[in-house]
Amino acid sequence: MKADIDSIVAADISTARGIKFSIDAEAEERSGVRGALSCHTYHAARLWPYRLVVHLLKKAISNGVNLQTHTPVTSVSQQSTSSADRYWIVDTPRGSIRAKTVVYATNGYTSALVPEMKDKIVPVRGVVARLVGGKAPKMTDSYMMRISDYEYDYMIPRPDGSIILGGAKRDFYKNLHEWFDVADDSQLTKDARRYFDGYMQRHFYGWEDSGARTQEIWTGIMGYSNDGFPYVGPVCDRPGQYLCAGFNGHGMPQIFLSAKAIATMIVKGNAEDIDLPVPYRISPDRWYEPKEHASLKSWQAYTEGETARAKL
């Protein structure tokens, strides 16, 4: 990890100039994490995503956007094959809409409307909890806790003293059916609450007698792509349709410029001269070529490693 950070710093990337790296005892002291082997810190902002999205929606509605909630799209079909009068018919339980342009910002649910994405963008169920505690040190920093190659948690302290904690892979990652290709967010991931209970006491100095506990816990569906990059651009063989999905659990830091790229493509009618990372772009090869899903490969490597360790 240090070598990777050193290479980023050496490249003089502006956002990396404030990174500080420490190991062993210094890492424990700086992070407050019991048994920390290394720690890197940097300046970052944090916000409440829901409030930001609601604010943006209000602004969009005030500018004339028609937002329809609780109105699932059931199908999208072509009205005419002629390029001059080609329209897409978007069907919903409340009626149909005719549109020249359709954007699928459907993330983990994309394959329901774009079947070509069945094995390319897969719904993955994640779990998040809100922890509260009576007697506990006030935390001001957000954390990404990486415990192994597959196990990591993220933690965001709130102004009211509670902590938002996401992850818990340790207790369910081995059970592929509990999280991979799962689109149902009405069920809690098994054993997640047990993982979150006592989390702060296990990992952080000063929290041993805090009484921190899980107050709320919920699940959500993410869209994981087969190659680890989002799909952003025109849908192959469907003129007027665009896709912006598959953000692998990192949608908030990537979606805004990705959406801007899509909007620019639509307005300019050109998908080439756009400020968008090459790996994000949709090409015929990427669209049609079969590829083993990156999450499946990681899970298989994990299970093979666990089997090997069990034999020792």
C-alpha atoms as a PDB file:
ATOM      1  CA  MET A   1       0.000   0.000   0.000  1.00  0.00           C
ATOM      2  CA  LYS A   2       2.802   2.430   0.878  1.00  0.00           C
ATOM      3  CA  ALA A   3       4.410   1.875  -2.526  1.00  0.00           C
ATOM      4  CA  ASP A   4       1.126   2.742  -4.232  1.00  0.00           C
ATOM      5  CA  ILE A   5       0.711   5.897  -2.155  1.00  0.00           C
ATOM      6  CA  ASP A   6       4.334   6.911  -2.749  1.00  0.00           C
ATOM      7  CA  SER A   7       3.829   6.592  -6.507  1.00  0.00           C
ATOM      8  CA  ILE A   8       0.728   8.804  -6.353  1.00  0.00           C
ATOM      9  CA  VAL A   9       2.531  11.429  -4.272  1.00  0.00           C
ATOM     10  CA  ALA A  10       5.559  11.285  -6.594  1.00  0.00           C
ATOM     11  CA  ALA A  11       3.273  11.989  -9.550  1.00  0.00           C
ATOM     12  CA  ASP A  12       2.439  15.319  -7.868  1.00  0.00           C
ATOM     13  CA  ILE A  13      -1.301  14.803  -8.091  1.00  0.00           C
ATOM     14  CA  SER A  14      -2.812  17.805  -6.317  1.00  0.00           C
ATOM     15  CA  THR A  15      -5.330  15.833  -4.263  1.00  0.00           C
ATOM     16  CA  ALA A  16      -2.566  13.536  -2.990  1.00  0.00           C
ATOM     17  CA  ARG A  17      -0.240  16.191  -1.613  1.00  0.00           C
ATOM     18  CA  GLY A  18      -1.735  16.058   1.864  1.00  0.00           C
ATOM     19  CA  ILE A  19      -1.484  12.279   2.318  1.00  0.00           C
ATOM     20  CA  LYS A  20       0.383  11.162   5.431  1.00  0.00           C
ATOM     21  CA  PHE A  21       1.389   7.533   5.895  1.00  0.00           C
ATOM     22  CA  SER A  22       2.280   5.801   9.159  1.00  0.00           C
ATOM     23  CA  ILE A  23       2.812   2.226  10.348  1.00  0.00           C
ATOM     24  CA  ASP A  24       2.685   0.136  13.522  1.00  0.00           C
ATOM     25  CA  ALA A  25       2.535   2.117  16.796  1.00  0.00           C
ATOM     26  CA  GLU A  26       2.251   5.452  15.022  1.00  0.00           C
ATOM     27  CA  ALA A  27      -0.616   4.078  12.928  1.00  0.00           C
ATOM     28  CA  GLU A  28      -2.442   2.980  16.082  1.00  0.00           C
ATOM     29  CA  GLU A  29      -1.917   6.346  17.731  1.00  0.00           C
ATOM     30  CA  ARG A  30      -2.998   8.373  14.734  1.00  0.00           C
ATOM     31  CA  SER A  31      -6.056   6.278  13.889  1.00  0.00           C
ATOM     32  CA  GLY A  32      -7.102   5.115  17.348  1.00  0.00           C
ATOM     33  CA  VAL A  33      -7.617   1.659  15.860  1.00  0.00           C
ATOM     34  CA  ARG A  34      -6.458  -1.257  17.961  1.00  0.00           C
ATOM     35  CA  GLY A  35      -3.879  -3.364  16.106  1.00  0.00           C
ATOM     36  CA  ALA A  36      -3.599  -1.030  13.101  1.00  0.00           C
ATOM     37  CA  LEU A  37      -0.666  -2.044  10.894  1.00  0.00           C
ATOM     38  CA  SER A  38      -0.717   1.033   8.706  1.00  0.00           C
ATOM     39  CA  CYS A  39      -2.680   4.209   8.300  1.00  0.00           C
ATOM     40  CA  HIS A  40      -2.879   6.915   5.681  1.00  0.00           C
ATOM     41  CA  THR A  41      -4.732  10.151   6.290  1.00  0.00           C
ATOM     42  CA  TYR A  42      -5.792  12.963   3.995  1.00  0.00           C
ATOM     43  CA  HIS A  43      -8.237  15.846   3.873  1.00  0.00           C
ATOM     44  CA  ALA A  44     -11.691  14.969   2.611  1.00  0.00           C
ATOM     45  CA  ALA A  45     -15.248  16.236   2.790  1.00  0.00           C
ATOM     46  CA  ARG A  46     -18.290  14.278   3.834  1.00  0.00           C
ATOM     47  CA  LEU A  47     -21.976  14.968   3.434  1.00  0.00           C
ATOM     48  CA  TRP A  48     -25.415  13.427   3.756  1.00  0.00           C
ATOM     49  CA  PRO A  49     -26.105  11.977   0.273  1.00  0.00           C
ATOM     50  CA  TYR A  50     -29.883  11.835   0.685  1.00  0.00           C
ATOM     51  CA  ARG A  51     -30.118  15.523   1.537  1.00  0.00           C
ATOM     52  CA  LEU A  52     -27.919  16.443  -1.413  1.00  0.00           C
ATOM     53  CA  VAL A  53     -30.019  14.370  -3.821  1.00  0.00           C
ATOM     54  CA  VAL A  54     -33.299  15.796  -2.485  1.00  0.00           C
ATOM     55  CA  HIS A  55     -31.923  19.330  -2.868  1.00  0.00           C
ATOM     56  CA  LEU A  56     -30.915  18.614  -6.474  1.00  0.00           C
ATOM     57  CA  LEU A  57     -34.333  17.092  -7.196  1.00  0.00           C
ATOM     58  CA  LYS A  58     -36.092  20.159  -5.793  1.00  0.00           C
ATOM     59  CA  LYS A  59     -33.936  22.381  -7.968  1.00  0.00           C
ATOM     60  CA  ALA A  60     -34.646  20.251 -11.041  1.00  0.00           C
ATOM     61  CA  ILE A  61     -38.403  20.253 -10.376  1.00  0.00           C
ATOM     62  CA  SER A  62     -38.378  24.036  -9.961  1.00  0.00           C
ATOM     63  CA  ASN A  63     -36.869  24.199 -13.459  1.00  0.00           C
ATOM     64  CA  GLY A  64     -39.668  22.126 -14.981  1.00  0.00           C
ATOM     65  CA  VAL A  65     -38.580  18.514 -14.514  1.00  0.00           C
ATOM     66  CA  ASN A  66     -41.522  16.104 -14.080  1.00  0.00           C
ATOM     67  CA  LEU A  67     -40.522  13.596 -11.384  1.00  0.00           C
ATOM     68  CA  GLN A  68     -42.671  10.450 -11.100  1.00  0.00           C
ATOM     69  CA  THR A  69     -42.032   8.354  -7.981  1.00  0.00           C
ATOM     70  CA  HIS A  70     -43.398   4.867  -7.276  1.00  0.00           C
ATOM     71  CA  THR A  71     -43.766   4.465 -11.045  1.00  0.00           C
ATOM     72  CA  PRO A  72     -41.582   1.564 -12.181  1.00  0.00           C
ATOM     73  CA  VAL A  73     -40.766   1.252 -15.863  1.00  0.00           C
ATOM     74  CA  THR A  74     -41.828  -2.198 -17.060  1.00  0.00           C
ATOM     75  CA  SER A  75     -40.545  -2.092 -20.640  1.00  0.00           C
ATOM     76  CA  VAL A  76     -39.046   0.120 -23.326  1.00  0.00           C
ATOM     77  CA  SER A  77     -39.968  -0.590 -26.944  1.00  0.00           C
ATOM     78  CA  GLN A  78     -39.328   1.016 -30.308  1.00  0.00           C
ATOM     79  CA  GLN A  79     -42.252   2.698 -32.076  1.00  0.00           C
ATOM     80  CA  SER A  80     -40.676   3.033 -35.518  1.00  0.00           C
ATOM     81  CA  THR A  81     -37.525   1.844 -37.258  1.00  0.00           C
ATOM     82  CA  SER A  82     -37.256   5.009 -39.327  1.00  0.00           C
ATOM     83  CA  SER A  83     -34.584   7.361 -38.009  1.00  0.00           C
ATOM     84  CA  ALA A  84     -36.748  10.369 -38.857  1.00  0.00           C
ATOM     85  CA  ASP A  85     -39.686   9.384 -36.674  1.00  0.00           C
ATOM     86  CA  ARG A  86     -38.042   6.918 -34.267  1.00  0.00           C
ATOM     87  CA  TYR A  87     -39.466   7.080 -30.760  1.00  0.00           C
ATOM     88  CA  TRP A  88     -39.110   4.885 -27.705  1.00  0.00           C
ATOM     89  CA  ILE A  89     -42.223   3.908 -25.783  1.00  0.00           C
ATOM     90  CA  VAL A  90     -41.604   3.738 -22.037  1.00  0.00           C
ATOM     91  CA  ASP A  91     -44.320   1.674 -20.350  1.00  0.00           C
ATOM     92  CA  THR A  92     -45.284   2.057 -16.681  1.00  0.00           C
ATOM     93  CA  PRO A  93     -48.295   0.895 -14.598  1.00  0.00           C
ATOM     94  CA  ARG A  94     -49.608   4.468 -14.793  1.00  0.00           C
ATOM     95  CA  GLY A  95     -49.341   4.836 -18.546  1.00  0.00           C
ATOM     96  CA  SER A  96     -46.812   5.138 -21.344  1.00  0.00           C
ATOM     97  CA  ILE A  97     -44.439   7.919 -22.370  1.00  0.00           C
ATOM     98  CA  ARG A  98     -43.079   8.545 -25.855  1.00  0.00           C
ATOM     99  CA  ALA A  99     -39.499   9.828 -25.978  1.00  0.00           C
ATOM    100  CA  LYS A 100     -36.721  10.394 -28.486  1.00  0.00           C
ATOM    101  CA  THR A 101     -34.091   9.861 -25.795  1.00  0.00           C
ATOM    102  CA  VAL A 102     -34.019   7.413 -22.884  1.00  0.00           C
ATOM    103  CA  VAL A 103     -31.323   7.321 -20.192  1.00  0.00           C
ATOM    104  CA  TYR A 104     -31.014   4.214 -18.024  1.00  0.00           C
ATOM    105  CA  ALA A 105     -29.701   5.419 -14.651  1.00  0.00           C
ATOM    106  CA  THR A 106     -30.807   2.128 -13.141  1.00  0.00           C
ATOM    107  CA  ASN A 107     -27.569   0.786 -11.641  1.00  0.00           C
ATOM    108  CA  GLY A 108     -28.155  -2.678 -10.118  1.00  0.00           C
ATOM    109  CA  TYR A 109     -31.578  -3.027 -11.736  1.00  0.00           C
ATOM    110  CA  THR A 110     -30.381  -2.313 -15.280  1.00  0.00           C
ATOM    111  CA  SER A 111     -30.753  -5.827 -16.700  1.00  0.00           C
ATOM    112  CA  ALA A 112     -34.517  -5.749 -16.048  1.00  0.00           C
ATOM    113  CA  LEU A 113     -34.807  -3.268 -18.934  1.00  0.00           C
ATOM    114  CA  VAL A 114     -31.550  -3.900 -20.800  1.00  0.00           C
ATOM    115  CA  PRO A 115     -31.184  -7.710 -20.867  1.00  0.00           C
ATOM    116  CA  GLU A 116     -27.735  -7.493 -22.464  1.00  0.00           C
ATOM    117  CA  MET A 117     -26.511  -6.312 -19.062  1.00  0.00           C
ATOM    118  CA  LYS A 118     -27.600  -9.515 -17.293  1.00  0.00           C
ATOM    119  CA  ASP A 119     -24.044 -10.651 -16.511  1.00  0.00           C
ATOM    120  CA  LYS A 120     -22.357  -7.277 -16.916  1.00  0.00           C
ATOM    121  CA  ILE A 121     -24.088  -5.221 -14.209  1.00  0.00           C
ATOM    122  CA  VAL A 122     -25.199  -7.398 -11.315  1.00  0.00           C
ATOM    123  CA  PRO A 123     -27.255  -6.301  -8.276  1.00  0.00           C
ATOM    124  CA  VAL A 124     -25.234  -6.639  -5.084  1.00  0.00           C
ATOM    125  CA  ARG A 125     -26.844  -6.264  -1.672  1.00  0.00           C
ATOM    126  CA  GLY A 126     -24.944  -4.256   0.907  1.00  0.00           C
ATOM    127  CA  VAL A 127     -25.712  -3.500   4.531  1.00  0.00           C
ATOM    128  CA  VAL A 128     -25.327  -0.378   6.674  1.00  0.00           C
ATOM    129  CA  ALA A 129     -25.991   0.312  10.349  1.00  0.00           C
ATOM    130  CA  ARG A 130     -26.324   3.277  12.677  1.00  0.00           C
ATOM    131  CA  LEU A 131     -24.437   2.831  15.936  1.00  0.00           C
ATOM    132  CA  VAL A 132     -25.160   4.812  19.082  1.00  0.00           C
ATOM    133  CA  GLY A 133     -23.423   4.836  22.428  1.00  0.00           C
ATOM    134  CA  GLY A 134     -23.708   6.648  25.711  1.00  0.00           C
ATOM    135  CA  LYS A 135     -20.200   7.164  27.040  1.00  0.00           C
ATOM    136  CA  ALA A 136     -17.887   7.403  24.062  1.00  0.00           C
ATOM    137  CA  PRO A 137     -15.154   9.679  22.696  1.00  0.00           C
ATOM    138  CA  LYS A 138     -16.309  12.170  20.082  1.00  0.00           C
ATOM    139  CA  MET A 139     -15.105  11.212  16.624  1.00  0.00           C
ATOM    140  CA  THR A 140     -14.512  13.761  13.875  1.00  0.00           C
ATOM    141  CA  ASP A 141     -12.823  11.732  11.131  1.00  0.00           C
ATOM    142  CA  SER A 142     -14.384   9.357   8.639  1.00  0.00           C
ATOM    143  CA  TYR A 143     -12.702   5.975   8.166  1.00  0.00           C
ATOM    144  CA  MET A 144     -12.176   3.254   5.631  1.00  0.00           C
ATOM    145  CA  MET A 145     -11.121   0.150   7.558  1.00  0.00           C
ATOM    146  CA  ARG A 146      -9.392  -2.414   5.345  1.00  0.00           C
ATOM    147  CA  ILE A 147      -9.038  -5.672   7.231  1.00  0.00           C
ATOM    148  CA  SER A 148      -8.176  -8.017   4.351  1.00  0.00           C
ATOM    149  CA  ASP A 149      -8.264  -8.130   0.553  1.00  0.00           C
ATOM    150  CA  TYR A 150     -12.021  -8.682   0.596  1.00  0.00           C
ATOM    151  CA  GLU A 151     -13.062  -7.269   3.975  1.00  0.00           C
ATOM    152  CA  TYR A 152     -13.397  -3.553   4.505  1.00  0.00           C
ATOM    153  CA  ASP A 153     -15.803  -1.256   6.316  1.00  0.00           C
ATOM    154  CA  TYR A 154     -16.510   2.450   6.027  1.00  0.00           C
ATOM    155  CA  MET A 155     -17.427   4.628   8.961  1.00  0.00           C
ATOM    156  CA  ILE A 156     -18.873   8.139   9.090  1.00  0.00           C
ATOM    157  CA  PRO A 157     -19.431   9.877  12.450  1.00  0.00           C
ATOM    158  CA  ARG A 158     -22.501  12.104  12.603  1.00  0.00           C
ATOM    159  CA  PRO A 159     -22.812  15.458  14.429  1.00  0.00           C
ATOM    160  CA  ASP A 160     -25.223  13.873  16.938  1.00  0.00           C
ATOM    161  CA  GLY A 161     -22.531  11.401  18.064  1.00  0.00           C
ATOM    162  CA  SER A 162     -23.936   8.407  16.198  1.00  0.00           C
ATOM    163  CA  ILE A 163     -21.880   6.512  13.631  1.00  0.00           C
ATOM    164  CA  ILE A 164     -22.890   5.255  10.190  1.00  0.00           C
ATOM    165  CA  LEU A 165     -21.069   1.989   9.511  1.00  0.00           C
ATOM    166  CA  GLY A 166     -21.215  -0.022   6.308  1.00  0.00           C
ATOM    167  CA  GLY A 167     -19.639  -3.327   5.354  1.00  0.00           C
ATOM    168  CA  ALA A 168     -19.844  -6.459   7.523  1.00  0.00           C
ATOM    169  CA  LYS A 169     -18.512  -8.690   4.740  1.00  0.00           C
ATOM    170  CA  ARG A 170     -16.666 -10.873   7.223  1.00  0.00           C
ATOM    171  CA  ASP A 171     -19.856 -12.608   8.290  1.00  0.00           C
ATOM    172  CA  PHE A 172     -21.666 -13.006   4.955  1.00  0.00           C
ATOM    173  CA  TYR A 173     -19.148 -12.756   2.091  1.00  0.00           C
ATOM    174  CA  LYS A 174     -18.647 -16.516   2.012  1.00  0.00           C
ATOM    175  CA  ASN A 175     -22.361 -17.018   1.264  1.00  0.00           C
ATOM    176  CA  LEU A 176     -22.571 -15.826  -2.342  1.00  0.00           C
ATOM    177  CA  HIS A 177     -26.364 -16.198  -2.507  1.00  0.00           C
ATOM    178  CA  GLU A 178     -26.807 -13.631   0.276  1.00  0.00           C
ATOM    179  CA  TRP A 179     -25.319 -10.721  -1.647  1.00  0.00           C
ATOM    180  CA  PHE A 180     -24.402 -11.450  -5.287  1.00  0.00           C
ATOM    181  CA  ASP A 181     -27.158 -11.110  -7.908  1.00  0.00           C
ATOM    182  CA  VAL A 182     -29.612 -10.149  -5.153  1.00  0.00           C
ATOM    183  CA  ALA A 183     -32.096  -7.379  -5.993  1.00  0.00           C
ATOM    184  CA  ASP A 184     -34.295  -7.696  -2.883  1.00  0.00           C
ATOM    185  CA  ASP A 185     -33.541  -5.023  -0.289  1.00  0.00           C
ATOM    186  CA  SER A 186     -36.488  -5.947   1.946  1.00  0.00           C
ATOM    187  CA  GLN A 187     -34.500  -8.643   3.762  1.00  0.00           C
ATOM    188  CA  LEU A 188     -31.599  -8.051   6.133  1.00  0.00           C
ATOM    189  CA  THR A 189     -28.335  -9.774   5.370  1.00  0.00           C
ATOM    190  CA  LYS A 190     -27.935 -12.675   7.770  1.00  0.00           C
ATOM    191  CA  ASP A 191     -25.502 -12.172  10.684  1.00  0.00           C
ATOM    192  CA  ALA A 192     -24.848  -8.493   9.844  1.00  0.00           C
ATOM    193  CA  ARG A 193     -26.300  -7.189  13.111  1.00  0.00           C
ATOM    194  CA  ARG A 194     -24.064  -9.525  15.089  1.00  0.00           C
ATOM    195  CA  TYR A 195     -21.072  -8.109  13.232  1.00  0.00           C
ATOM    196  CA  PHE A 196     -21.999  -4.484  13.928  1.00  0.00           C
ATOM    197  CA  ASP A 197     -22.779  -5.035  17.615  1.00  0.00           C
ATOM    198  CA  GLY A 198     -19.601  -4.392  19.606  1.00  0.00           C
ATOM    199  CA  TYR A 199     -17.730  -3.121  16.537  1.00  0.00           C
ATOM    200  CA  MET A 200     -16.462   0.068  18.178  1.00  0.00           C
ATOM    201  CA  GLN A 201     -15.487  -1.788  21.349  1.00  0.00           C
ATOM    202  CA  ARG A 202     -13.481  -4.338  19.343  1.00  0.00           C
ATOM    203  CA  HIS A 203     -11.581  -1.916  17.158  1.00  0.00           C
ATOM    204  CA  PHE A 204     -11.236   1.497  18.812  1.00  0.00           C
ATOM    205  CA  TYR A 205      -9.322   2.588  21.885  1.00  0.00           C
ATOM    206  CA  GLY A 206     -11.475   4.443  24.392  1.00  0.00           C
ATOM    207  CA  TRP A 207     -14.678   2.686  23.352  1.00  0.00           C
ATOM    208  CA  GLU A 208     -14.326  -0.406  25.528  1.00  0.00           C
ATOM    209  CA  ASP A 209     -16.986   0.721  28.027  1.00  0.00           C
ATOM    210  CA  SER A 210     -18.976   2.922  25.670  1.00  0.00           C
ATOM    211  CA  GLY A 211     -22.007   0.673  25.407  1.00  0.00           C
ATOM    212  CA  ALA A 212     -22.085   1.381  21.658  1.00  0.00           C
ATOM    213  CA  ARG A 213     -24.800  -0.673  19.997  1.00  0.00           C
ATOM    214  CA  THR A 214     -26.651  -1.080  16.723  1.00  0.00           C
ATOM    215  CA  GLN A 215     -29.775   1.066  16.734  1.00  0.00           C
ATOM    216  CA  GLU A 216     -30.813   0.789  13.069  1.00  0.00           C
ATOM    217  CA  ILE A 217     -29.723  -1.498  10.264  1.00  0.00           C
ATOM    218  CA  TRP A 218     -30.763  -1.580   6.620  1.00  0.00           C
ATOM    219  CA  THR A 219     -29.823  -2.969   3.229  1.00  0.00           C
ATOM    220  CA  GLY A 220     -29.429  -1.408  -0.199  1.00  0.00           C
ATOM    221  CA  ILE A 221     -28.795  -2.601  -3.729  1.00  0.00           C
ATOM    222  CA  MET A 222     -25.667  -1.558  -5.606  1.00  0.00           C
ATOM    223  CA  GLY A 223     -24.727  -2.228  -9.227  1.00  0.00           C
ATOM    224  CA  TYR A 224     -21.437  -4.085  -9.682  1.00  0.00           C
ATOM    225  CA  SER A 225     -20.007  -4.235 -13.200  1.00  0.00           C
ATOM    226  CA  ASN A 226     -18.158  -7.210 -14.624  1.00  0.00           C
ATOM    227  CA  ASP A 227     -14.902  -5.293 -15.181  1.00  0.00           C
ATOM    228  CA  GLY A 228     -15.004  -2.938 -12.199  1.00  0.00           C
ATOM    229  CA  PHE A 229     -15.877   0.210 -14.189  1.00  0.00           C
ATOM    230  CA  PRO A 230     -19.242   1.886 -14.758  1.00  0.00           C
ATOM    231  CA  TYR A 231     -20.928   1.730 -18.159  1.00  0.00           C
ATOM    232  CA  VAL A 232     -21.419   5.280 -19.445  1.00  0.00           C
ATOM    233  CA  GLY A 233     -22.521   6.074 -22.986  1.00  0.00           C
ATOM    234  CA  PRO A 234     -24.854   5.143 -25.855  1.00  0.00           C
ATOM    235  CA  VAL A 235     -26.536   1.743 -25.735  1.00  0.00           C
ATOM    236  CA  CYS A 236     -25.314  -0.391 -28.626  1.00  0.00           C
ATOM    237  CA  ASP A 237     -27.815  -0.860 -31.482  1.00  0.00           C
ATOM    238  CA  ARG A 238     -30.460   1.320 -29.809  1.00  0.00           C
ATOM    239  CA  PRO A 239     -30.129   4.879 -31.144  1.00  0.00           C
ATOM    240  CA  GLY A 240     -31.343   7.431 -28.626  1.00  0.00           C
ATOM    241  CA  GLN A 241     -30.778   5.212 -25.595  1.00  0.00           C
ATOM    242  CA  TYR A 242     -27.994   5.847 -23.078  1.00  0.00           C
ATOM    243  CA  LEU A 243     -26.684   4.006 -20.059  1.00  0.00           C
ATOM    244  CA  CYS A 244     -25.161   5.416 -16.873  1.00  0.00           C
ATOM    245  CA  ALA A 245     -24.882   2.536 -14.406  1.00  0.00           C
ATOM    246  CA  GLY A 246     -22.662  -0.005 -12.672  1.00  0.00           C
ATOM    247  CA  PHE A 247     -20.829   2.148 -10.129  1.00  0.00           C
ATOM    248  CA  ASN A 248     -19.644  -0.682  -7.881  1.00  0.00           C
ATOM    249  CA  GLY A 249     -20.710   0.977  -4.631  1.00  0.00           C
ATOM    250  CA  HIS A 250     -18.857   4.209  -5.473  1.00  0.00           C
ATOM    251  CA  GLY A 251     -21.612   6.128  -7.202  1.00  0.00           C
ATOM    252  CA  MET A 252     -21.520   9.392  -5.254  1.00  0.00           C
ATOM    253  CA  PRO A 253     -17.940  10.353  -6.213  1.00  0.00           C
ATOM    254  CA  GLN A 254     -18.381   9.266  -9.847  1.00  0.00           C
ATOM    255  CA  ILE A 255     -21.965   9.868 -10.880  1.00  0.00           C
ATOM    256  CA  PHE A 256     -21.960  13.642 -11.292  1.00  0.00           C
ATOM    257  CA  LEU A 257     -19.319  13.913 -14.011  1.00  0.00           C
ATOM    258  CA  SER A 258     -20.595  10.675 -15.567  1.00  0.00           C
ATOM    259  CA  ALA A 259     -24.089  12.178 -15.782  1.00  0.00           C
ATOM    260  CA  LYS A 260     -22.611  15.390 -17.182  1.00  0.00           C
ATOM    261  CA  ALA A 261     -20.884  13.321 -19.872  1.00  0.00           C
ATOM    262  CA  ILE A 262     -24.191  11.647 -20.787  1.00  0.00           C
ATOM    263  CA  ALA A 263     -25.971  15.018 -20.977  1.00  0.00           C
ATOM    264  CA  THR A 264     -23.198  16.385 -23.191  1.00  0.00           C
ATOM    265  CA  MET A 265     -23.440  13.361 -25.497  1.00  0.00           C
ATOM    266  CA  ILE A 266     -27.189  13.894 -25.871  1.00  0.00           C
ATOM    267  CA  VAL A 267     -26.954  17.636 -26.529  1.00  0.00           C
ATOM    268  CA  LYS A 268     -24.000  17.411 -28.921  1.00  0.00           C
ATOM    269  CA  GLY A 269     -25.052  14.160 -30.551  1.00  0.00           C
ATOM    270  CA  ASN A 270     -21.469  12.968 -30.256  1.00  0.00           C
ATOM    271  CA  ALA A 271     -20.138  10.372 -27.829  1.00  0.00           C
ATOM    272  CA  GLU A 272     -16.477  10.587 -28.813  1.00  0.00           C
ATOM    273  CA  ASP A 273     -15.200  14.062 -27.944  1.00  0.00           C
ATOM    274  CA  ILE A 274     -16.344  13.884 -24.321  1.00  0.00           C
ATOM    275  CA  ASP A 275     -14.421  14.319 -21.066  1.00  0.00           C
ATOM    276  CA  LEU A 276     -14.876  10.786 -19.739  1.00  0.00           C
ATOM    277  CA  PRO A 277     -12.330   8.139 -18.650  1.00  0.00           C
ATOM    278  CA  VAL A 278     -11.756   5.567 -21.387  1.00  0.00           C
ATOM    279  CA  PRO A 279     -12.556   2.545 -19.129  1.00  0.00           C
ATOM    280  CA  TYR A 280     -16.047   3.992 -18.496  1.00  0.00           C
ATOM    281  CA  ARG A 281     -16.941   4.261 -22.171  1.00  0.00           C
ATOM    282  CA  ILE A 282     -19.229   1.757 -23.844  1.00  0.00           C
ATOM    283  CA  SER A 283     -17.617   0.139 -26.873  1.00  0.00           C
ATOM    284  CA  PRO A 284     -18.965  -2.744 -28.992  1.00  0.00           C
ATOM    285  CA  ASP A 285     -16.206  -5.001 -27.639  1.00  0.00           C
ATOM    286  CA  ARG A 286     -17.059  -4.154 -24.053  1.00  0.00           C
ATOM    287  CA  TRP A 287     -20.784  -4.466 -24.727  1.00  0.00           C
ATOM    288  CA  TYR A 288     -20.778  -7.819 -26.485  1.00  0.00           C
ATOM    289  CA  GLU A 289     -17.670  -9.638 -25.242  1.00  0.00           C
ATOM    290  CA  PRO A 290     -18.392 -12.212 -22.488  1.00  0.00           C
ATOM    291  CA  LYS A 291     -16.265 -11.629 -19.407  1.00  0.00           C
ATOM    292  CA  GLU A 292     -16.204 -13.328 -16.032  1.00  0.00           C
ATOM    293  CA  HIS A 293     -17.574 -10.984 -13.403  1.00  0.00           C
ATOM    294  CA  ALA A 294     -14.855  -9.330 -11.298  1.00  0.00           C
ATOM    295  CA  SER A 295     -16.816  -9.910  -8.072  1.00  0.00           C
ATOM    296  CA  LEU A 296     -17.131 -13.618  -8.846  1.00  0.00           C
ATOM    297  CA  LYS A 297     -13.398 -13.868  -9.489  1.00  0.00           C
ATOM    298  CA  SER A 298     -12.666 -12.199  -6.145  1.00  0.00           C
ATOM    299  CA  TRP A 299     -15.109 -14.470  -4.337  1.00  0.00           C
ATOM    300  CA  GLN A 300     -13.619 -17.583  -5.940  1.00  0.00           C
ATOM    301  CA  ALA A 301     -10.116 -16.491  -4.908  1.00  0.00           C
ATOM    302  CA  TYR A 302     -11.402 -15.933  -1.377  1.00  0.00           C
ATOM    303  CA  THR A 303     -13.071 -19.353  -1.121  1.00  0.00           C
ATOM    304  CA  GLU A 304      -9.981 -21.090  -2.506  1.00  0.00           C
ATOM    305  CA  GLY A 305      -7.854 -19.285   0.070  1.00  0.00           C
ATOM    306  CA  GLU A 306     -10.209 -20.230   2.888  1.00  0.00           C
ATOM    307  CA  THR A 307     -10.180 -23.867   1.760  1.00  0.00           C
ATOM    308  CA  ALA A 308      -6.383 -23.893   1.665  1.00  0.00           C
ATOM    309  CA  ARG A 309      -6.156 -22.366   5.161  1.00  0.00           C
ATOM    310  CA  ALA A 310      -8.621 -24.927   6.502  1.00  0.00           C
ATOM    311  CA  LYS A 311      -6.331 -27.731   5.318  1.00  0.00           C
ATOM    312  CA  LEU A 312      -3.296 -26.373   7.187  1.00  0.00           C
END
